[in-house]
Amino acid sequence: MVDNLFFQLGNLAQKGPSRRILDLKAAIPGQYLCLTLHRPSNVDRIEHLRPIIQALKDIALRIPVIFPCHPRTKACLENFGMMDAFLLPEQTTGSLERGLLLLEPMGYNDFLYLWKDALLVLTDSGGLQEETTALKIPCMTLRENTERPITVEVGSNVLIGRDMEQLRSEVADIVAGKANGGNIPDLWDGKASERIAAVLIGHKDT
């Protein structure tokens, strides 16, 4: 995954994102957060989803939160009557200084172009925990556990679970410039495939 991340960053430098993503980023005058949220344990039950959305609304009073929304999540938001928490693209004019901006799902490179420069990524995804760690971008995971424990061990990822007060507090610290940072695990340099190929070639010669 890390190898692919660095490969796609190279592609992004050559080809760039779509025009709509360029325009969106140009409309954000300062720092921003990126969000993904799709796990059934977070979105399928109103008693789980409501506190998350309320915390995000509070956070978005201070800093924009960019949210490409998974179809299952959007369906739940609509069914639970929560869509009024969000700004939609057609409701934004000029600069975007705050608010919870809900977007349609986007391709990998478009989202990469956004989150690679985010102050912080909020997610319940697995892959983003790994990718943000590789780029030293703080990550907060809205889950009780992770398949990538090393991201927590090196300090780049914080497991929030359902503690929305912790989420508010941790985000406030980062927005205030109090992030502790984190380290990149050994060998997370985007060259794993080269090392694997070298081993395979060496075995072939013997």
C-alpha atoms as a PDB file:
ATOM      1  CA  MET A   1       0.000   0.000   0.000  1.00  0.00           C
ATOM      2  CA  VAL A   2       2.778   2.436   0.848  1.00  0.00           C
ATOM      3  CA  ASP A   3       4.546   1.661  -2.426  1.00  0.00           C
ATOM      4  CA  ASN A   4       1.368   2.444  -4.324  1.00  0.00           C
ATOM      5  CA  LEU A   5       0.909   5.668  -2.366  1.00  0.00           C
ATOM      6  CA  PHE A   6       4.284   7.005  -3.452  1.00  0.00           C
ATOM      7  CA  PHE A   7       3.680   5.799  -7.005  1.00  0.00           C
ATOM      8  CA  GLN A   8       0.368   7.675  -7.117  1.00  0.00           C
ATOM      9  CA  LEU A   9       1.982  10.797  -5.681  1.00  0.00           C
ATOM     10  CA  GLY A  10       4.337  10.702  -8.632  1.00  0.00           C
ATOM     11  CA  ASN A  11       1.403  10.348 -11.009  1.00  0.00           C
ATOM     12  CA  LEU A  12      -0.356  13.213  -9.283  1.00  0.00           C
ATOM     13  CA  ALA A  13       2.633  15.484  -9.796  1.00  0.00           C
ATOM     14  CA  GLN A  14       2.528  14.729 -13.527  1.00  0.00           C
ATOM     15  CA  LYS A  15      -1.190  14.578 -14.282  1.00  0.00           C
ATOM     16  CA  GLY A  16      -2.781  16.553 -11.470  1.00  0.00           C
ATOM     17  CA  PRO A  17      -6.296  16.153 -10.041  1.00  0.00           C
ATOM     18  CA  SER A  18      -9.567  17.052 -11.712  1.00  0.00           C
ATOM     19  CA  ARG A  19     -10.568  20.685 -12.225  1.00  0.00           C
ATOM     20  CA  ARG A  20     -13.313  20.527  -9.597  1.00  0.00           C
ATOM     21  CA  ILE A  21     -10.827  19.411  -6.962  1.00  0.00           C
ATOM     22  CA  LEU A  22      -8.366  22.108  -7.964  1.00  0.00           C
ATOM     23  CA  ASP A  23     -11.151  24.674  -7.632  1.00  0.00           C
ATOM     24  CA  LEU A  24     -12.236  23.278  -4.277  1.00  0.00           C
ATOM     25  CA  LYS A  25      -8.742  23.412  -2.829  1.00  0.00           C
ATOM     26  CA  ALA A  26      -8.242  26.929  -4.159  1.00  0.00           C
ATOM     27  CA  ALA A  27     -11.402  27.988  -2.298  1.00  0.00           C
ATOM     28  CA  ILE A  28      -9.983  26.922   1.081  1.00  0.00           C
ATOM     29  CA  PRO A  29      -7.889  29.827   2.370  1.00  0.00           C
ATOM     30  CA  GLY A  30      -6.259  28.012   5.272  1.00  0.00           C
ATOM     31  CA  GLN A  31      -6.021  24.680   7.012  1.00  0.00           C
ATOM     32  CA  TYR A  32      -8.663  21.967   6.715  1.00  0.00           C
ATOM     33  CA  LEU A  33      -9.488  18.422   7.776  1.00  0.00           C
ATOM     34  CA  CYS A  34     -10.471  15.450   5.630  1.00  0.00           C
ATOM     35  CA  LEU A  35     -12.969  12.802   6.693  1.00  0.00           C
ATOM     36  CA  THR A  36     -14.058   9.329   5.633  1.00  0.00           C
ATOM     37  CA  LEU A  37     -16.861   7.492   7.405  1.00  0.00           C
ATOM     38  CA  HIS A  38     -18.534   4.349   6.161  1.00  0.00           C
ATOM     39  CA  ARG A  39     -18.302   1.408   8.568  1.00  0.00           C
ATOM     40  CA  PRO A  40     -21.670  -0.125   9.494  1.00  0.00           C
ATOM     41  CA  SER A  41     -20.782   0.081  13.177  1.00  0.00           C
ATOM     42  CA  ASN A  42     -20.594   3.872  12.825  1.00  0.00           C
ATOM     43  CA  VAL A  43     -23.290   4.726  10.321  1.00  0.00           C
ATOM     44  CA  ASP A  44     -26.050   2.108  10.393  1.00  0.00           C
ATOM     45  CA  ARG A  45     -27.473   3.013  13.812  1.00  0.00           C
ATOM     46  CA  ILE A  46     -28.716   6.488  14.639  1.00  0.00           C
ATOM     47  CA  GLU A  47     -27.497   6.287  18.228  1.00  0.00           C
ATOM     48  CA  HIS A  48     -23.952   5.769  16.930  1.00  0.00           C
ATOM     49  CA  LEU A  49     -24.027   8.163  13.997  1.00  0.00           C
ATOM     50  CA  ARG A  50     -25.688  11.136  15.703  1.00  0.00           C
ATOM     51  CA  PRO A  51     -22.912  11.815  18.272  1.00  0.00           C
ATOM     52  CA  ILE A  52     -20.274  11.571  15.546  1.00  0.00           C
ATOM     53  CA  ILE A  53     -22.066  14.084  13.339  1.00  0.00           C
ATOM     54  CA  GLN A  54     -22.622  16.441  16.259  1.00  0.00           C
ATOM     55  CA  ALA A  55     -18.935  16.348  17.145  1.00  0.00           C
ATOM     56  CA  LEU A  56     -18.008  16.968  13.515  1.00  0.00           C
ATOM     57  CA  LYS A  57     -20.405  19.924  13.370  1.00  0.00           C
ATOM     58  CA  ASP A  58     -18.725  21.406  16.439  1.00  0.00           C
ATOM     59  CA  ILE A  59     -15.269  20.895  14.950  1.00  0.00           C
ATOM     60  CA  ALA A  60     -16.370  22.426  11.639  1.00  0.00           C
ATOM     61  CA  LEU A  61     -17.294  25.671  13.388  1.00  0.00           C
ATOM     62  CA  ARG A  62     -13.551  26.336  13.563  1.00  0.00           C
ATOM     63  CA  ILE A  63     -12.100  24.683  10.476  1.00  0.00           C
ATOM     64  CA  PRO A  64     -13.448  23.211   7.210  1.00  0.00           C
ATOM     65  CA  VAL A  65     -14.024  19.454   7.157  1.00  0.00           C
ATOM     66  CA  ILE A  66     -14.022  17.907   3.669  1.00  0.00           C
ATOM     67  CA  PHE A  67     -16.145  14.767   3.503  1.00  0.00           C
ATOM     68  CA  PRO A  68     -16.405  12.642   0.318  1.00  0.00           C
ATOM     69  CA  CYS A  69     -19.413  10.649   1.411  1.00  0.00           C
ATOM     70  CA  HIS A  70     -19.828   6.902   0.862  1.00  0.00           C
ATOM     71  CA  PRO A  71     -23.244   5.992  -0.610  1.00  0.00           C
ATOM     72  CA  ARG A  72     -24.222   3.850   2.398  1.00  0.00           C
ATOM     73  CA  THR A  73     -23.356   6.723   4.737  1.00  0.00           C
ATOM     74  CA  LYS A  74     -25.331   9.225   2.699  1.00  0.00           C
ATOM     75  CA  ALA A  75     -28.346   6.915   2.693  1.00  0.00           C
ATOM     76  CA  CYS A  76     -28.172   6.690   6.484  1.00  0.00           C
ATOM     77  CA  LEU A  77     -27.802  10.448   6.860  1.00  0.00           C
ATOM     78  CA  GLU A  78     -30.871  10.946   4.705  1.00  0.00           C
ATOM     79  CA  ASN A  79     -32.884   8.269   6.505  1.00  0.00           C
ATOM     80  CA  PHE A  80     -31.983   9.712   9.913  1.00  0.00           C
ATOM     81  CA  GLY A  81     -32.736  13.302   8.880  1.00  0.00           C
ATOM     82  CA  MET A  82     -29.177  14.555   9.386  1.00  0.00           C
ATOM     83  CA  MET A  83     -28.459  16.183   6.044  1.00  0.00           C
ATOM     84  CA  ASP A  84     -28.966  19.659   7.462  1.00  0.00           C
ATOM     85  CA  ALA A  85     -25.623  19.285   9.251  1.00  0.00           C
ATOM     86  CA  PHE A  86     -23.764  19.648   5.966  1.00  0.00           C
ATOM     87  CA  LEU A  87     -22.821  22.177   3.380  1.00  0.00           C
ATOM     88  CA  LEU A  88     -23.306  21.014  -0.197  1.00  0.00           C
ATOM     89  CA  PRO A  89     -21.085  22.231  -3.044  1.00  0.00           C
ATOM     90  CA  GLU A  90     -23.889  24.322  -4.559  1.00  0.00           C
ATOM     91  CA  GLN A  91     -24.296  26.125  -1.227  1.00  0.00           C
ATOM     92  CA  THR A  92     -20.708  27.329  -1.116  1.00  0.00           C
ATOM     93  CA  THR A  93     -19.583  30.545  -2.754  1.00  0.00           C
ATOM     94  CA  GLY A  94     -16.229  32.209  -2.471  1.00  0.00           C
ATOM     95  CA  SER A  95     -13.822  30.987   0.196  1.00  0.00           C
ATOM     96  CA  LEU A  96     -14.542  28.066   2.483  1.00  0.00           C
ATOM     97  CA  GLU A  97     -13.376  29.026   5.964  1.00  0.00           C
ATOM     98  CA  ARG A  98     -15.482  26.608   8.033  1.00  0.00           C
ATOM     99  CA  GLY A  99     -18.259  24.051   7.700  1.00  0.00           C
ATOM    100  CA  LEU A 100     -18.800  20.363   7.091  1.00  0.00           C
ATOM    101  CA  LEU A 101     -18.688  19.997   3.309  1.00  0.00           C
ATOM    102  CA  LEU A 102     -20.331  16.850   1.952  1.00  0.00           C
ATOM    103  CA  LEU A 103     -19.132  15.747  -1.488  1.00  0.00           C
ATOM    104  CA  GLU A 104     -19.872  12.877  -3.811  1.00  0.00           C
ATOM    105  CA  PRO A 105     -17.400   9.965  -3.735  1.00  0.00           C
ATOM    106  CA  MET A 106     -14.217  10.765  -5.617  1.00  0.00           C
ATOM    107  CA  GLY A 107     -11.386   8.901  -7.256  1.00  0.00           C
ATOM    108  CA  TYR A 108      -8.206   7.946  -5.463  1.00  0.00           C
ATOM    109  CA  ASN A 109      -6.011  10.681  -6.918  1.00  0.00           C
ATOM    110  CA  ASP A 110      -8.538  13.460  -6.344  1.00  0.00           C
ATOM    111  CA  PHE A 111      -8.885  12.512  -2.690  1.00  0.00           C
ATOM    112  CA  LEU A 112      -5.131  12.030  -2.333  1.00  0.00           C
ATOM    113  CA  TYR A 113      -4.645  15.579  -3.620  1.00  0.00           C
ATOM    114  CA  LEU A 114      -6.881  16.807  -0.801  1.00  0.00           C
ATOM    115  CA  TRP A 115      -5.808  14.738   2.183  1.00  0.00           C
ATOM    116  CA  LYS A 116      -2.054  14.906   1.526  1.00  0.00           C
ATOM    117  CA  ASP A 117      -2.139  18.565   2.585  1.00  0.00           C
ATOM    118  CA  ALA A 118      -4.766  18.263   5.326  1.00  0.00           C
ATOM    119  CA  LEU A 119      -3.960  19.302   8.863  1.00  0.00           C
ATOM    120  CA  LEU A 120      -5.574  16.072  10.054  1.00  0.00           C
ATOM    121  CA  VAL A 121      -7.463  13.091   8.668  1.00  0.00           C
ATOM    122  CA  LEU A 122     -10.456  11.596  10.486  1.00  0.00           C
ATOM    123  CA  THR A 123     -11.378   8.120   9.314  1.00  0.00           C
ATOM    124  CA  ASP A 124     -12.808   4.703  10.038  1.00  0.00           C
ATOM    125  CA  SER A 125     -10.921   3.248   7.080  1.00  0.00           C
ATOM    126  CA  GLY A 126      -7.959   0.923   7.364  1.00  0.00           C
ATOM    127  CA  GLY A 127      -5.865   2.080   4.446  1.00  0.00           C
ATOM    128  CA  LEU A 128      -5.837   5.761   5.343  1.00  0.00           C
ATOM    129  CA  GLN A 129      -4.320   4.995   8.734  1.00  0.00           C
ATOM    130  CA  GLU A 130      -1.357   3.500   6.929  1.00  0.00           C
ATOM    131  CA  GLU A 131      -1.099   6.118   4.200  1.00  0.00           C
ATOM    132  CA  THR A 132      -1.307   9.109   6.550  1.00  0.00           C
ATOM    133  CA  THR A 133       1.416   7.585   8.694  1.00  0.00           C
ATOM    134  CA  ALA A 134       3.679   7.257   5.651  1.00  0.00           C
ATOM    135  CA  LEU A 135       3.233  10.978   4.926  1.00  0.00           C
ATOM    136  CA  LYS A 136       3.408  12.040   8.607  1.00  0.00           C
ATOM    137  CA  ILE A 137      -0.116  13.459   8.610  1.00  0.00           C
ATOM    138  CA  PRO A 138      -1.955  13.099  11.941  1.00  0.00           C
ATOM    139  CA  CYS A 139      -4.833  10.629  11.847  1.00  0.00           C
ATOM    140  CA  MET A 140      -7.685   9.955  14.246  1.00  0.00           C
ATOM    141  CA  THR A 141      -9.529   6.692  13.831  1.00  0.00           C
ATOM    142  CA  LEU A 142     -13.194   6.483  14.763  1.00  0.00           C
ATOM    143  CA  ARG A 143     -12.963   2.841  15.807  1.00  0.00           C
ATOM    144  CA  GLU A 144     -12.202   0.819  18.903  1.00  0.00           C
ATOM    145  CA  ASN A 145      -9.414  -1.153  17.208  1.00  0.00           C
ATOM    146  CA  THR A 146      -7.130  -1.132  14.209  1.00  0.00           C
ATOM    147  CA  GLU A 147      -5.516  -3.629  11.857  1.00  0.00           C
ATOM    148  CA  ARG A 148      -2.531  -1.253  11.739  1.00  0.00           C
ATOM    149  CA  PRO A 149      -1.399  -1.118  15.404  1.00  0.00           C
ATOM    150  CA  ILE A 150       2.027   0.147  14.389  1.00  0.00           C
ATOM    151  CA  THR A 151       0.420   3.453  13.364  1.00  0.00           C
ATOM    152  CA  VAL A 152      -0.679   3.929  16.975  1.00  0.00           C
ATOM    153  CA  GLU A 153       2.674   2.753  18.330  1.00  0.00           C
ATOM    154  CA  VAL A 154       4.629   5.337  16.309  1.00  0.00           C
ATOM    155  CA  GLY A 155       2.267   8.103  17.393  1.00  0.00           C
ATOM    156  CA  SER A 156       0.746   9.116  14.071  1.00  0.00           C
ATOM    157  CA  ASN A 157      -2.690   7.626  14.725  1.00  0.00           C
ATOM    158  CA  VAL A 158      -5.046   7.966  17.707  1.00  0.00           C
ATOM    159  CA  LEU A 159      -7.869   5.491  18.321  1.00  0.00           C
ATOM    160  CA  ILE A 160     -10.926   7.516  19.301  1.00  0.00           C
ATOM    161  CA  GLY A 161     -13.584   4.800  19.463  1.00  0.00           C
ATOM    162  CA  ARG A 162     -16.905   6.381  20.472  1.00  0.00           C
ATOM    163  CA  ASP A 163     -15.408   9.003  22.768  1.00  0.00           C
ATOM    164  CA  MET A 164     -16.532  12.173  21.028  1.00  0.00           C
ATOM    165  CA  GLU A 165     -15.243  14.377  23.836  1.00  0.00           C
ATOM    166  CA  GLN A 166     -11.800  12.962  23.209  1.00  0.00           C
ATOM    167  CA  LEU A 167     -12.267  13.669  19.501  1.00  0.00           C
ATOM    168  CA  ARG A 168     -13.161  17.299  20.190  1.00  0.00           C
ATOM    169  CA  SER A 169     -10.220  17.695  22.561  1.00  0.00           C
ATOM    170  CA  GLU A 170      -7.643  16.012  20.327  1.00  0.00           C
ATOM    171  CA  VAL A 171      -8.741  17.982  17.269  1.00  0.00           C
ATOM    172  CA  ALA A 172      -8.698  21.257  19.230  1.00  0.00           C
ATOM    173  CA  ASP A 173      -5.098  20.566  20.243  1.00  0.00           C
ATOM    174  CA  ILE A 174      -4.025  19.930  16.665  1.00  0.00           C
ATOM    175  CA  VAL A 175      -5.849  23.009  15.357  1.00  0.00           C
ATOM    176  CA  ALA A 176      -4.070  24.994  18.084  1.00  0.00           C
ATOM    177  CA  GLY A 177      -0.710  23.691  16.881  1.00  0.00           C
ATOM    178  CA  LYS A 178      -0.152  21.237  19.722  1.00  0.00           C
ATOM    179  CA  ALA A 179       0.223  18.098  17.613  1.00  0.00           C
ATOM    180  CA  ASN A 180       2.806  15.662  18.952  1.00  0.00           C
ATOM    181  CA  GLY A 181       3.648  14.464  15.472  1.00  0.00           C
ATOM    182  CA  GLY A 182       4.594  10.882  14.807  1.00  0.00           C
ATOM    183  CA  ASN A 183       7.249   8.709  13.269  1.00  0.00           C
ATOM    184  CA  ILE A 184       7.348   6.657  10.093  1.00  0.00           C
ATOM    185  CA  PRO A 185       7.906   2.931  10.657  1.00  0.00           C
ATOM    186  CA  ASP A 186      11.118   1.428   9.352  1.00  0.00           C
ATOM    187  CA  LEU A 187      11.048   0.506   5.663  1.00  0.00           C
ATOM    188  CA  TRP A 188       7.865   2.499   4.952  1.00  0.00           C
ATOM    189  CA  ASP A 189       9.726   4.264   2.172  1.00  0.00           C
ATOM    190  CA  GLY A 190       7.814   3.097  -0.913  1.00  0.00           C
ATOM    191  CA  LYS A 191      10.580   0.703  -1.942  1.00  0.00           C
ATOM    192  CA  ALA A 192       9.241  -2.598  -0.625  1.00  0.00           C
ATOM    193  CA  SER A 193       8.604  -3.872  -4.155  1.00  0.00           C
ATOM    194  CA  GLU A 194      12.215  -3.169  -5.102  1.00  0.00           C
ATOM    195  CA  ARG A 195      13.496  -5.128  -2.106  1.00  0.00           C
ATOM    196  CA  ILE A 196      11.137  -8.011  -2.876  1.00  0.00           C
ATOM    197  CA  ALA A 197      12.253  -8.076  -6.508  1.00  0.00           C
ATOM    198  CA  ALA A 198      15.894  -8.081  -5.451  1.00  0.00           C
ATOM    199  CA  VAL A 199      15.305 -11.073  -3.177  1.00  0.00           C
ATOM    200  CA  LEU A 200      13.431 -12.968  -5.899  1.00  0.00           C
ATOM    201  CA  ILE A 201      16.106 -12.250  -8.473  1.00  0.00           C
ATOM    202  CA  GLY A 202      18.795 -13.353  -6.033  1.00  0.00           C
ATOM    203  CA  HIS A 203      17.007 -16.657  -5.413  1.00  0.00           C
ATOM    204  CA  LYS A 204      16.591 -17.156  -9.155  1.00  0.00           C
ATOM    205  CA  ASP A 205      20.338 -16.885  -9.675  1.00  0.00           C
ATOM    206  CA  THR A 206      21.211 -19.456  -6.999  1.00  0.00           C
END
